């Protein structure tokens, strides 16, 4: 993940598009602190969520419905890669593994991502539904995690909360635009939420690990009320109702994943595994 980008794009008749210069090494929040085994496992949870979602969003590059959306989704993916790098780096301090070891050399059962971030992009409305749900969840999570007694986690959360707030606003604008647009855009938005909503429940489940991380980690169950309060006005303005029905069994935090994660990892890891140790 040692990549530098210094792209720039100019007004060429399609409207002005600004791509930020992003130096990924500057995105890393690292310290000399060594995580305990439990803290490392928690950092792994959050890092895996960010990396898998970034991989999904990256697939939209050159395929988004408009050029500015290519840029927006690409920038959101870069933010998430920055979060993943910091969290996986910290997680690796407990076992002597690098962030790249954790990203590219773990098999599917060793990943701890939530099942919602693994879900396929589908059409643009599916991606926006997933982005709306996950960005609202992450905003509440990182806002609370800024008060962690673990200084490294608190620092990562402080930076991430500001960036995820933008991701949240971006998804809100699209939910309103698609829901209140044409009959077809509204139909797709409804299908997108219906397909993603079964994976919402897993985001708010507490796992036994959290009993050993009081004051360090955030209990997901404590975030649900704030999450519901934040999305309610958007659903009301968009004239949407919260989907009801099937709830996925979940289990991502214990290495139980949907059928989609293996294919995503194969795509993400193939180059590194085919050419171990290669530099570029």
Foldseek 3Di string as FASTA:
>chain_A
DQDFDDDADQDDPQDGAGADGDHLVVLAQDDPDADAQLLLLVLLALLLQLQLLLLQLLVCQVPDPDDNVNRVSNVSSSNSNSLNQNSLCNSCSNPVDHSCCSQFVDALLVHQYQQLSLDHCPPVLLVLLSLLLVLLLLLLFLVVQLQAPPPSSVVSSVVSNVSSVVSNVVSLVQLLCQLPDDPVSVVSNVVSQQVRVLRNVQQQQADPSVVVRVRHGDRSVVCPVVSCVVCVVSCVSSVHDRDDDHHDPIDSNSSDYDPRVNVSSCVVRVVCVVPPPDDD
